[in-house]
Protein backbone atom coordinates (compact mmCIF):
# COMPACT_ATOMS: atom_id res chain seq x y z
CA MET A 1 0.00 0.00 0.00
CA LEU A 2 2.88 2.39 0.87
CA VAL A 3 4.50 1.74 -2.52
CA ARG A 4 1.27 2.60 -4.35
CA GLU A 5 1.00 5.87 -2.38
CA ILE A 6 4.55 6.89 -3.20
CA GLU A 7 4.01 6.00 -6.87
CA PHE A 8 0.90 8.21 -6.88
CA LEU A 9 2.73 11.16 -5.30
CA LEU A 10 5.73 10.87 -7.63
CA ALA A 11 3.67 10.48 -10.79
CA PRO A 12 2.47 13.69 -12.51
CA GLN A 13 -1.24 14.35 -11.86
CA VAL A 14 -3.67 16.38 -13.90
CA PHE A 15 -4.88 18.46 -10.95
CA GLU A 16 -1.39 19.73 -9.98
CA GLU A 17 -1.75 22.73 -12.29
CA ILE A 18 -5.34 23.43 -11.20
CA ILE A 19 -5.31 23.05 -7.40
CA SER A 20 -3.64 25.94 -5.55
CA PRO A 21 -2.63 26.37 -2.80
CA ILE A 22 -2.38 22.61 -2.26
CA LYS A 23 -1.15 22.47 1.36
CA GLU A 24 -4.00 24.60 2.80
CA LEU A 25 -6.68 22.55 0.99
CA LEU A 26 -5.02 19.33 2.11
CA GLY A 27 -5.05 20.56 5.73
CA LYS A 28 -8.75 21.49 5.51
CA GLU A 29 -9.57 17.98 4.19
CA PHE A 30 -7.73 16.40 7.13
CA VAL A 31 -9.66 18.62 9.57
CA ALA A 32 -12.98 17.66 7.92
CA LEU A 33 -12.20 13.94 8.14
CA ARG A 34 -11.10 14.26 11.79
CA ARG A 35 -14.22 16.18 12.78
CA LYS A 36 -16.38 13.69 10.93
CA ARG A 37 -14.95 11.02 13.21
CA ASN A 38 -15.45 13.32 16.23
CA VAL A 39 -11.79 12.98 17.27
CA LYS A 40 -9.56 15.61 18.87
CA ARG A 41 -5.96 16.35 17.84
CA THR A 42 -4.76 15.18 21.28
CA SER A 43 -6.25 11.71 20.72
CA VAL A 44 -4.71 11.53 17.22
CA SER A 45 -1.31 12.51 18.64
CA GLN A 46 -1.49 9.80 21.32
CA SER A 47 -2.55 7.09 18.86
CA THR A 48 -0.12 7.93 16.01
CA ASN A 49 2.86 9.27 18.02
CA ILE A 50 2.74 12.42 15.85
CA SER A 51 3.48 15.53 17.84
CA HIS A 52 0.68 18.00 18.45
CA GLY A 53 2.66 20.70 16.65
CA SER A 54 3.08 18.55 13.53
CA LEU A 55 -0.67 17.86 13.44
CA THR A 56 -1.37 21.57 13.74
CA SER A 57 1.05 22.36 10.90
CA ILE A 58 -0.59 19.70 8.67
CA GLU A 59 -4.12 21.02 9.30
CA PHE A 60 -3.23 24.71 8.90
CA GLY A 61 -0.79 24.21 5.97
CA ASN A 62 2.29 25.54 7.80
CA ASP A 63 5.75 24.64 6.49
CA ARG A 64 7.23 23.89 9.88
CA GLY A 65 6.99 20.34 11.28
CA ARG A 66 5.33 18.70 8.22
CA THR A 67 6.80 15.42 6.95
CA LEU A 68 5.65 12.83 4.43
CA ARG A 69 5.66 10.19 7.19
CA ALA A 70 3.33 12.36 9.31
CA TYR A 71 0.94 12.81 6.35
CA LEU A 72 0.90 9.07 5.65
CA LYS A 73 0.37 8.07 9.31
CA TYR A 74 -2.38 10.69 9.76
CA ALA A 75 -4.18 9.45 6.63
CA GLN A 76 -3.84 5.81 7.79
CA TYR A 77 -5.31 6.75 11.19
CA LEU A 78 -8.34 8.24 9.38
CA ASP A 79 -8.76 4.97 7.34
CA THR A 80 -7.91 6.61 4.01
CA THR A 81 -4.93 7.34 1.76
CA LEU A 82 -3.25 10.50 0.49
CA SER A 83 -4.19 9.59 -3.07
CA GLU A 84 -7.86 9.46 -2.11
CA ILE A 85 -7.61 12.78 -0.26
CA PHE A 86 -5.94 14.48 -3.26
CA THR A 87 -8.54 13.00 -5.60
CA CYS A 88 -11.36 14.19 -3.34
CA ILE A 89 -9.90 17.72 -3.23
CA ALA A 90 -9.53 17.82 -7.01
CA TYR A 91 -13.05 16.52 -7.56
CA LYS A 92 -14.50 19.28 -5.36
CA MET A 93 -12.99 21.96 -7.60
CA PRO A 94 -15.53 23.63 -9.92
CA SER A 95 -13.39 23.13 -13.06
CA ASN A 96 -15.30 21.21 -15.76
CA GLU A 97 -12.05 20.50 -17.55
CA TYR A 98 -10.68 18.61 -14.58
CA ALA A 99 -13.98 16.83 -13.96
CA SER A 100 -13.91 15.28 -17.42
CA MET A 101 -10.23 14.35 -17.07
CA TYR A 102 -10.91 12.88 -13.62
CA ILE A 103 -13.79 10.76 -14.91
CA GLU A 104 -11.59 9.38 -17.70
CA LYS A 105 -8.82 8.59 -15.20
CA LYS A 106 -11.33 7.07 -12.78
CA MET A 107 -12.72 4.80 -15.53
CA SER A 108 -9.22 3.64 -16.43
CA GLU A 109 -8.50 2.99 -12.73
CA GLU A 110 -11.78 1.03 -12.34
CA ASN A 111 -10.91 -1.16 -15.33
CA ASP A 112 -7.48 -1.85 -13.84
CA ILE A 113 -9.09 -2.77 -10.51
CA ILE A 114 -11.60 -5.09 -12.23
CA LEU A 115 -8.77 -6.89 -14.04
CA ALA A 116 -6.84 -7.23 -10.77
CA VAL A 117 -9.95 -8.49 -8.95
CA LYS A 118 -10.70 -11.09 -11.63
CA GLU A 119 -7.09 -12.27 -11.53
CA ALA A 120 -7.27 -12.62 -7.72
CA ILE A 121 -10.56 -14.54 -7.97
CA GLY A 122 -8.93 -16.97 -10.40
CA ILE A 123 -6.06 -17.54 -7.97
CA LEU A 124 -8.48 -18.20 -5.06
CA VAL A 125 -10.56 -20.63 -7.14
CA SER A 126 -7.46 -22.54 -8.24
CA LYS A 127 -6.38 -22.88 -4.61
CA GLY A 128 -9.86 -23.99 -3.55
CA GLU A 129 -10.26 -21.11 -1.10
CA SER A 130 -13.38 -19.07 -0.44
CA ILE A 131 -13.84 -15.77 -2.30
CA THR A 132 -13.95 -12.82 0.10
CA ARG A 133 -13.14 -9.12 -0.24
CA LYS A 134 -10.50 -9.45 2.45
CA LYS A 135 -8.59 -12.14 0.53
CA ILE A 136 -8.93 -10.24 -2.78
CA SER A 137 -7.67 -7.08 -1.06
CA HIS A 138 -4.69 -9.03 0.28
CA LEU A 139 -3.79 -10.34 -3.20
CA THR A 140 -4.35 -7.06 -5.10
CA TYR A 141 -3.06 -4.62 -2.45
CA ILE A 142 -6.28 -2.64 -2.91
CA SER A 143 -8.16 -1.58 0.23
CA ASN A 144 -11.73 -2.69 0.90
CA ASP A 145 -12.79 0.97 0.98
CA ILE A 146 -11.88 1.33 -2.71
CA PHE A 147 -14.05 -1.72 -3.53
CA LYS A 148 -16.97 -0.07 -1.76
CA LYS A 149 -16.67 2.97 -4.04
CA HIS A 150 -17.19 0.86 -7.18
CA ASP A 151 -20.55 -0.94 -7.36
CA SER A 152 -19.51 -2.84 -10.49
CA ILE A 153 -16.52 -4.35 -8.66
CA LEU A 154 -18.73 -5.37 -5.71
CA GLU A 155 -21.18 -7.02 -8.12
CA ILE A 156 -18.34 -8.98 -9.78
CA ILE A 157 -17.04 -10.17 -6.40
CA GLU A 158 -20.50 -11.14 -5.15
CA GLU A 159 -21.42 -12.91 -8.40
CA ASN A 160 -18.21 -14.97 -8.44
CA ARG A 161 -18.52 -15.67 -4.73
CA SER A 162 -22.09 -17.02 -5.14
CA LYS A 163 -21.13 -19.18 -8.14
CA TYR A 164 -18.07 -20.57 -6.38
CA LYS A 165 -20.01 -21.19 -3.16
CA LYS A 166 -22.74 -23.08 -5.04
CA MET A 167 -20.14 -25.09 -6.93
CA GLN A 168 -18.33 -25.94 -3.70
CA LYS A 169 -21.62 -26.91 -2.06
CA ASP A 170 -22.56 -29.21 -4.96
CA ILE A 171 -19.14 -30.88 -4.84
CA TYR A 172 -19.35 -31.26 -1.06
CA GLU A 173 -22.90 -32.63 -1.27
CA HIS A 174 -21.79 -35.13 -3.94
CA ASP A 175 -18.97 -36.31 -1.67
CA LEU A 176 -21.37 -36.59 1.27
CA LEU A 177 -23.73 -38.67 -0.85
CA TYR A 178 -21.00 -41.24 -1.56
CA LYS A 179 -20.05 -41.27 2.12
CA ALA A 180 -23.72 -41.74 3.12
CA ARG A 181 -24.05 -44.79 0.84
CA ASP A 182 -21.00 -46.38 2.46
CA ALA A 183 -22.34 -45.48 5.92
CA ILE A 184 -25.75 -47.06 5.21
CA ASN A 185 -24.10 -50.26 3.94
CA TYR A 186 -21.99 -50.32 7.10
CA LEU A 187 -25.07 -49.87 9.33
CA ASN A 188 -26.99 -52.57 7.46
CA GLU A 189 -24.13 -55.02 7.91
CA ARG A 190 -24.09 -54.34 11.65
CA LYS A 191 -27.94 -54.35 11.79
CA GLU A 192 -27.98 -50.93 13.41
CA PRO A 193 -30.79 -48.37 12.88
CA ILE A 194 -30.49 -46.00 9.93
CA THR A 195 -31.21 -42.48 11.17
CA TYR A 196 -29.92 -38.97 10.49
CA LYS A 197 -27.99 -39.16 13.74
CA THR A 198 -26.20 -42.48 13.03
CA VAL A 199 -25.41 -41.60 9.39
CA GLY A 200 -24.32 -38.06 10.31
CA LYS A 201 -22.00 -39.39 12.99
CA ILE A 202 -20.18 -41.56 10.41
CA ILE A 203 -19.93 -38.97 7.60
CA GLY A 204 -19.07 -36.13 10.01
CA ILE A 205 -22.07 -33.77 9.97
CA HIS A 206 -24.75 -32.93 12.51
CA ARG A 207 -28.22 -34.46 12.07
CA ASN A 208 -29.76 -30.97 11.72
CA ALA A 209 -27.41 -30.18 8.79
CA PHE A 210 -29.10 -32.68 6.41
CA SER A 211 -31.74 -30.09 5.50
CA ARG A 212 -29.01 -28.04 3.74
CA TYR A 213 -28.37 -30.87 1.25
CA PRO A 214 -31.69 -31.97 -0.37
CA SER A 215 -30.34 -34.95 -2.34
CA LEU A 216 -28.49 -36.29 0.71
CA GLU A 217 -31.55 -35.79 2.92
CA SER A 218 -33.90 -37.61 0.51
CA PHE A 219 -31.43 -40.48 0.08
CA VAL A 220 -31.07 -41.05 3.83
CA LYS A 221 -34.83 -40.64 4.33
CA GLU A 222 -35.63 -43.35 1.74
CA ASN A 223 -33.26 -45.79 3.40
CA TYR A 224 -34.56 -44.82 6.84
CA VAL A 225 -38.18 -45.54 5.82
CA TYR A 226 -37.24 -48.84 4.21
CA SER A 227 -35.17 -49.84 7.25
CA TYR A 228 -37.98 -48.86 9.60
CA GLN A 229 -40.57 -50.85 7.62
CA ARG A 230 -38.30 -53.87 7.41
CA LYS A 231 -37.57 -53.67 11.10
CA GLY A 232 -41.31 -53.43 11.87
CA GLU A 233 -42.08 -56.46 9.69
CA LEU A 234 -39.41 -58.55 11.42
CA GLN A 235 -40.62 -57.47 14.84
CA GLU A 236 -44.24 -58.27 13.96
CA GLN A 237 -43.30 -61.72 12.63
CA SER A 238 -41.35 -62.42 15.79
CA LEU A 239 -44.26 -61.20 17.94
CA ILE A 240 -46.80 -63.38 16.11
CA ILE A 241 -44.59 -66.45 16.64
CA GLU A 242 -44.38 -65.66 20.36
CA VAL A 243 -48.16 -65.08 20.54
CA ASN A 244 -48.93 -68.43 18.86
CA LYS A 245 -46.63 -70.21 21.32
CA ALA A 246 -48.33 -68.47 24.25
CA ILE A 247 -51.81 -69.36 22.90
CA LYS A 248 -50.82 -73.02 22.60
CA TYR A 249 -49.48 -72.94 26.16
CA LEU A 250 -52.77 -71.48 27.49
CA GLN A 251 -54.91 -73.93 25.52
CA ASP A 252 -52.87 -76.89 26.80
CA ARG A 253 -53.56 -75.73 30.34
CA GLU A 254 -57.26 -75.08 29.46
CA GLU A 255 -56.96 -71.40 30.40
CA GLU A 256 -58.75 -68.48 28.73
CA VAL A 257 -56.81 -66.71 25.98
CA THR A 258 -56.77 -62.98 26.85
CA PHE A 259 -54.46 -60.07 26.15
CA LEU A 260 -53.50 -59.94 29.82
CA ALA A 261 -52.58 -63.64 29.96
CA LEU A 262 -50.55 -63.37 26.73
CA SER A 263 -48.71 -60.24 27.93
CA LYS A 264 -47.62 -62.02 31.13
CA ILE A 265 -46.22 -65.01 29.19
CA ILE A 266 -44.52 -62.99 26.42
CA GLY A 267 -43.25 -60.29 28.76
CA THR A 268 -44.76 -57.26 27.02
CA THR A 269 -47.54 -54.77 27.71
CA VAL A 270 -51.25 -55.33 27.08
CA TRP A 271 -51.36 -52.06 25.10
CA SER A 272 -48.70 -53.27 22.61
CA LEU A 273 -50.72 -56.44 21.95
CA ARG A 274 -54.04 -54.61 21.59
CA THR A 275 -52.62 -52.06 19.13
CA ASN A 276 -51.07 -54.73 16.88
CA ALA A 277 -53.68 -55.52 14.20
CA SER A 278 -52.49 -59.08 13.50
CA VAL A 279 -52.30 -60.08 17.17
CA ARG A 280 -55.64 -58.43 17.89
CA ARG A 281 -57.30 -60.35 15.05
CA ILE A 282 -55.92 -63.70 16.32
CA VAL A 283 -56.93 -63.11 19.94
CA LEU A 284 -60.41 -61.77 19.14
CA SER A 285 -61.18 -64.72 16.84
CA LEU A 286 -60.22 -67.15 19.62
CA SER A 287 -62.19 -65.18 22.19
CA LYS A 288 -65.25 -65.22 19.95
CA SER A 289 -65.12 -69.00 19.53
CA GLN A 290 -64.65 -69.45 23.28
CA LYS A 291 -67.59 -67.19 24.06
CA GLU A 292 -69.84 -69.06 21.62
CA GLU A 293 -69.04 -72.31 23.40
CA ASP A 294 -69.96 -70.68 26.72
CA ILE A 295 -73.28 -69.21 25.51
CA LEU A 296 -75.27 -72.47 25.35
CA PRO A 297 -74.96 -73.38 29.08
CA LYS A 298 -75.89 -69.82 30.04
CA VAL A 299 -78.96 -69.82 27.78
CA LEU A 300 -80.14 -73.17 29.19
CA GLU A 301 -79.70 -71.87 32.73
CA VAL A 302 -81.65 -68.67 31.97
CA ILE A 303 -84.51 -70.58 30.31
CA LYS A 304 -84.87 -72.78 33.40
CA TYR A 305 -84.79 -69.72 35.68
CA LEU A 306 -87.47 -67.90 33.64
CA GLU A 307 -89.73 -70.96 33.68
CA ASP A 308 -89.30 -71.30 37.45
CA ILE A 309 -90.28 -67.70 38.20
CA GLY A 310 -93.14 -67.79 35.70
CA VAL A 311 -91.78 -65.27 33.21
CA GLY A 312 -92.37 -65.87 29.51
CA VAL A 313 -89.41 -67.36 27.66
CA THR A 314 -88.79 -64.94 24.77
CA THR A 315 -85.73 -63.65 22.98
CA LYS A 316 -86.10 -60.31 24.76
CA THR A 317 -86.28 -61.78 28.28
CA ILE A 318 -83.31 -64.08 27.61
CA CYS A 319 -81.15 -61.20 26.27
CA GLN A 320 -82.05 -58.98 29.24
CA THR A 321 -81.33 -61.69 31.83
CA ILE A 322 -77.91 -62.91 30.56
CA PRO A 323 -77.30 -60.01 29.37
CA ILE A 324 -76.36 -60.49 25.73
CA HIS A 325 -77.10 -58.89 22.37
CA ARG A 326 -79.67 -60.51 20.08
CA ASP A 327 -77.11 -60.75 17.24
CA ARG A 328 -74.82 -62.87 19.42
CA LEU A 329 -77.63 -65.41 19.82
CA ARG A 330 -78.34 -65.43 16.09
CA SER A 331 -74.65 -66.00 15.28
CA ASN A 332 -74.70 -69.34 17.15
CA TYR A 333 -77.06 -71.68 15.24
CA GLN A 334 -77.42 -74.21 18.04
CA VAL A 335 -78.35 -71.56 20.60
CA TRP A 336 -80.70 -69.75 18.21
CA ASP A 337 -82.61 -72.99 17.42
CA LEU A 338 -83.10 -73.59 21.15
CA VAL A 339 -84.33 -70.04 21.77
CA THR A 340 -86.72 -70.21 18.79
CA GLN A 341 -88.14 -73.52 20.04
CA LYS A 342 -88.76 -72.23 23.58
CA THR A 343 -90.34 -69.05 22.24
CA CYS A 344 -92.81 -71.06 20.13
CA GLU A 345 -93.69 -73.26 23.12
CA TYR A 346 -94.38 -70.18 25.22
CA ARG A 347 -96.71 -68.70 22.57
CA LEU A 348 -98.66 -71.97 22.27
CA SER A 349 -99.11 -72.18 26.04
CA MET A 350 -100.49 -68.64 26.23
CA GLY A 351 -104.03 -69.84 25.27
CA ASN A 352 -104.40 -72.20 28.29
CA HIS A 353 -102.59 -69.69 30.46
CA GLN A 354 -105.27 -67.03 29.91
CA LYS A 355 -108.08 -69.35 31.07
CA GLN A 356 -106.11 -70.29 34.17
CA GLU A 357 -105.44 -66.60 34.89
CA GLU A 358 -109.17 -65.74 34.80
CA ILE A 359 -109.87 -68.43 37.40
CA LEU A 360 -106.94 -67.30 39.56
CA LEU A 361 -108.04 -63.65 39.36
CA SER A 362 -111.45 -64.45 40.90
CA MET A 363 -109.71 -66.53 43.59
CA VAL A 364 -107.38 -63.63 44.39
CA LYS A 365 -110.30 -61.22 44.80
CA ASN A 366 -112.01 -63.60 47.21
CA ALA A 367 -108.77 -64.05 49.16
CA ILE A 368 -108.31 -60.27 49.45
CA GLN A 369 -111.88 -59.88 50.77
CA GLU A 370 -111.28 -62.66 53.32
CA ILE A 371 -108.02 -61.07 54.57
CA THR A 372 -109.68 -57.66 54.81
CA THR A 373 -112.57 -59.10 56.82
CA ARG A 374 -110.09 -60.49 59.35
CA GLY A 375 -108.54 -57.04 59.65
CA GLU A 376 -105.15 -58.19 58.42
CA LYS A 377 -102.74 -56.43 56.06
CA VAL A 378 -103.05 -57.48 52.41
CA THR A 379 -99.71 -58.48 50.83
CA GLN A 380 -98.72 -60.77 48.00
CA ALA A 381 -97.21 -63.26 50.43
CA ARG A 382 -100.45 -63.34 52.54
CA VAL A 383 -102.64 -63.86 49.43
CA CYS A 384 -100.38 -66.72 48.22
CA GLU A 385 -100.56 -68.26 51.68
CA VAL A 386 -104.39 -68.18 51.65
CA LEU A 387 -104.54 -69.66 48.12
CA ASN A 388 -101.80 -72.21 48.94
CA ILE A 389 -99.63 -71.33 45.90
CA THR A 390 -96.05 -70.10 45.61
CA ARG A 391 -95.09 -66.51 44.87
CA GLN A 392 -93.14 -67.66 41.79
CA CYS A 393 -96.29 -69.23 40.41
CA MET A 394 -98.25 -66.04 41.14
CA ARG A 395 -95.74 -63.99 39.10
CA LYS A 396 -96.64 -66.01 35.98
CA TYR A 397 -100.13 -64.44 35.99
CA SER A 398 -99.76 -60.74 35.35
CA ASN A 399 -103.43 -59.77 35.81
CA ALA A 400 -103.73 -61.52 39.17
CA ASN A 401 -100.44 -60.06 40.31
CA ALA A 402 -101.57 -56.59 39.16
CA ALA A 403 -104.83 -56.92 41.14
CA ILE A 404 -102.87 -57.62 44.33
CA LYS A 405 -100.55 -54.66 43.70
CA GLN A 406 -103.50 -52.36 43.01
CA PHE A 407 -105.23 -53.29 46.28
CA VAL A 408 -101.97 -52.94 48.19
CA GLU A 409 -101.54 -49.44 46.70
CA VAL A 410 -105.11 -48.50 47.69
CA GLN A 411 -104.43 -49.68 51.23
CA ARG A 412 -101.19 -47.69 51.34
CA GLN A 413 -103.00 -44.55 50.14
CA GLN A 414 -105.68 -44.97 52.81
CA ARG A 415 -103.04 -45.36 55.51
CA GLU A 416 -101.27 -42.26 54.22
CA ASP A 417 -104.51 -40.23 54.26
CA ASP A 418 -105.26 -41.36 57.83
CA LEU A 419 -101.73 -40.50 58.92
CA LEU A 420 -101.99 -37.07 57.28
CA ILE A 421 -105.14 -36.27 59.27
CA ARG A 422 -103.43 -37.33 62.52
CA VAL A 423 -100.38 -35.23 61.66
CA GLN A 424 -102.55 -32.17 60.96
CA ILE A 425 -104.23 -32.53 64.36
CA ALA A 426 -100.85 -32.94 66.08
CA ILE A 427 -99.40 -29.83 64.39
CA LYS A 428 -102.46 -27.75 65.38
CA SER A 429 -102.06 -28.93 68.96
CA LEU A 430 -98.36 -27.95 69.02
CA ILE A 431 -99.07 -24.49 67.60
CA ASP A 432 -101.93 -23.86 70.05
CA ASN A 433 -99.63 -24.76 72.97
CA ASP A 434 -96.83 -22.48 71.58
CA GLN A 435 -94.53 -25.45 71.00
CA ILE A 436 -92.04 -25.84 68.16
CA VAL A 437 -93.21 -28.08 65.30
CA THR A 438 -90.67 -30.86 64.67
CA PRO A 439 -90.97 -34.44 63.33
CA GLU A 440 -89.96 -35.71 66.80
CA ALA A 441 -92.71 -33.72 68.54
CA ILE A 442 -95.32 -34.87 65.99
CA GLY A 443 -94.20 -38.51 66.26
CA GLU A 444 -94.44 -38.37 70.05
CA LEU A 445 -98.03 -37.06 69.92
CA ILE A 446 -99.33 -39.64 67.41
CA SER A 447 -97.09 -42.51 68.67
CA VAL A 448 -95.25 -42.92 65.35
CA ALA A 449 -91.50 -43.11 64.74
CA PRO A 450 -90.28 -39.74 63.31
CA GLY A 451 -88.34 -41.50 60.55
CA SER A 452 -91.44 -43.28 59.21
CA LEU A 453 -93.14 -39.92 58.54
CA SER A 454 -90.74 -39.26 55.64
CA TYR A 455 -91.84 -42.48 53.86
CA HIS A 456 -95.14 -40.83 52.89
CA HIS A 457 -94.67 -37.98 50.40
CA SER A 458 -97.81 -35.99 51.20
CA VAL A 459 -97.19 -36.25 54.96
CA ALA A 460 -93.53 -35.20 54.66
CA THR A 461 -94.50 -32.25 52.42
CA PHE A 462 -97.20 -31.06 54.84
CA ILE A 463 -94.82 -31.25 57.82
CA ARG A 464 -92.12 -29.32 55.95
CA LYS A 465 -94.57 -26.56 55.01
CA ALA A 466 -95.87 -26.33 58.57
CA ILE A 467 -92.35 -26.02 59.98
CA ASN A 468 -91.46 -23.28 57.46
CA LYS A 469 -94.67 -21.40 58.18
CA GLN A 470 -94.03 -21.49 61.94
CA LYS A 471 -90.47 -20.21 61.40
CA GLN A 472 -91.80 -17.31 59.32
CA MET A 473 -94.35 -16.42 61.99
CA MET A 474 -91.68 -16.53 64.68
CA ARG A 475 -89.38 -14.27 62.67
CA LEU A 476 -92.25 -11.84 62.07
CA GLN A 477 -93.13 -11.77 65.77
CA GLN A 478 -89.49 -11.18 66.72
CA ARG A 479 -89.33 -8.26 64.31
CA ILE A 480 -92.50 -6.75 65.82
CA TRP A 481 -91.02 -7.05 69.31
CA LYS A 482 -87.78 -5.50 68.13
CA GLU A 483 -89.66 -2.61 66.49
CA GLU A 484 -91.63 -1.91 69.67
CA GLU A 485 -88.37 -1.92 71.63
CA ILE A 486 -86.79 0.58 69.20
CA ILE A 487 -89.84 2.88 69.38
CA GLN A 488 -89.68 2.87 73.18
CA LYS A 489 -85.94 3.66 73.10
CA VAL A 490 -86.56 6.53 70.65
CA HIS A 491 -89.14 8.08 73.00
CA GLU A 492 -86.78 7.71 75.94
CA GLU A 493 -83.91 9.26 74.01
CA VAL A 494 -86.08 12.20 72.88
CA MET A 495 -87.12 12.86 76.48
CA ARG A 496 -83.49 12.68 77.63
CA LEU A 497 -82.34 15.16 74.98
CA GLN A 498 -85.19 17.56 75.82
CA GLN A 499 -84.36 17.40 79.53
CA LEU A 500 -80.73 18.21 78.75
CA GLY A 501 -81.84 21.08 76.53
CA LYS A 502 -80.12 19.65 73.50
CA ARG A 503 -81.36 19.71 69.95
CA VAL A 504 -83.48 16.66 69.07
CA SER A 505 -82.09 15.44 65.73
CA VAL A 506 -82.08 12.16 63.85
CA THR A 507 -78.29 11.98 64.11
CA ALA A 508 -78.32 12.41 67.89
CA ILE A 509 -81.09 9.83 68.34
CA MET A 510 -79.45 7.20 66.15
CA LYS A 511 -76.01 7.83 67.68
CA ASN A 512 -77.25 7.18 71.22
CA LEU A 513 -79.25 4.16 70.03
CA ARG A 514 -76.05 2.87 68.40
CA MET A 515 -77.90 2.11 65.17
CA GLY A 516 -77.58 3.24 61.60
CA TYR A 517 -80.41 5.15 59.98
CA ALA A 518 -80.42 2.60 57.10
CA THR A 519 -81.32 -0.17 59.59
CA LEU A 520 -84.72 1.45 60.17
CA ARG A 521 -85.91 0.33 56.72
CA TYR A 522 -86.69 -3.05 58.35
CA TYR A 523 -88.84 -1.30 61.01
CA PRO A 524 -91.29 1.03 59.20
CA LYS A 525 -93.11 2.32 62.35
CA ALA A 526 -89.85 3.25 64.06
CA LYS A 527 -88.60 4.93 60.88
CA LYS A 528 -91.82 6.93 60.60
CA LEU A 529 -91.41 8.13 64.19
CA VAL A 530 -87.77 9.19 63.65
CA ASP A 531 -88.65 10.94 60.38
CA THR A 532 -91.15 13.18 62.26
CA PHE A 533 -88.22 14.76 64.14
CA LYS A 534 -86.41 15.18 60.85
CA ILE A 535 -89.39 17.10 59.41
CA LYS A 536 -89.75 19.24 62.55
CA ASN A 537 -86.11 20.30 62.35
CA LYS A 538 -86.56 21.36 58.72
CA LEU A 539 -89.63 23.46 59.59
CA LYS A 540 -87.67 25.25 62.31
């Protein structure tokens, strides 16, 4: 750089005949650059080891103390060169003649720089190094500041840098692709998983860096998917073999084949077996066949039970009793034939059953009348005892059974009505004697357990209403008493204030009563009395 500066100063320049006086203009340019950087001469002197007097002579254009070394060091401190300062001074001159000559010289300089830059780029490419302005500047001895002044040079550098970077990336990606193929073969031989992490560890890049190289990423992804699928197929085949062995073991021991039993034998989780489609299909098919074998004994047992209790044997009653879905019965031909047969038998027997029920209904009515005459309580058990038949047999005849239930309900309603009348009398007695109405007090008067009163809805409702009504009356009475007490206290307080000769005001009354005026809204008579004093004070 120093050589280029000296060459510039020694070579004849066009502006030498135009610029005058040169030393004063040069000093002014140095001052402008220093002030632009907001630096004082003292700081420049300390940083460059140039005396303060020399700096003053340079800036003011004095002859004393100025040296070429001082000029060069001062320019270097300001990140520029003497040639650039001279050029800047010349360009600021208003001479059109020099401007045209300067442009021609500048164009010739720019072409020389472009040639030098292209030559440096060629050297960097041949060495396989990255293209940067710093490296080009080092090879061409041209400062980066000069590059910044020429947009065309910057475009050339950036264009070549992008092309070279893309070329380097393609070459590097191609090399990585070959390395990845070798790495995948190596992993397959060792039966290790193929992932971005394992492949990247072998070829020397991080797993997150694969996204920068599309061809490499797609290649590894294809092999990863294939490896994963192959691994899953092998694992599923191995699992199915283990499941079949476990099923055979359970069947030999005559145990039920379930997911839980299989998981304990194989040593895996129930969830992993349930989520595997093949295993799930095998287990469910076995479970279905086992359940079909178990249905027949259950159906036979339910049919016998329904016949014993006198309930009609139909598909609906069988499904509700087991319980089981109708389609499950239809899927088992043996069971469905049995159910169909029993259903037909039940429908055929319904004709004789109706005649028997008419006879039994008249017998039930007579039995109820007989029990009532004796003054006994009518229940299904008592009717069956009188007729000498079982309760299970009675349930077979719906009309007769309904007649008993209807009479029992009528009896219950009569008892409830009688109890309600007794409760009403007891409550009236308690209120007349100023006693509190409670279920215990009512029960004691009518000789009934308090808990049994809640069994009858109408009785319990009446008692609850009576208790609430009494509470309301008590609260109302307490409020009346409280209001009378407040009125009396107001009169006493008014008399006391009058005797003391003090002014009778609402504030004084309420203060001595230790009450707020807003509280009187609950006691209208007391409020009306207090308000009279309020009105009297206003009239005064």
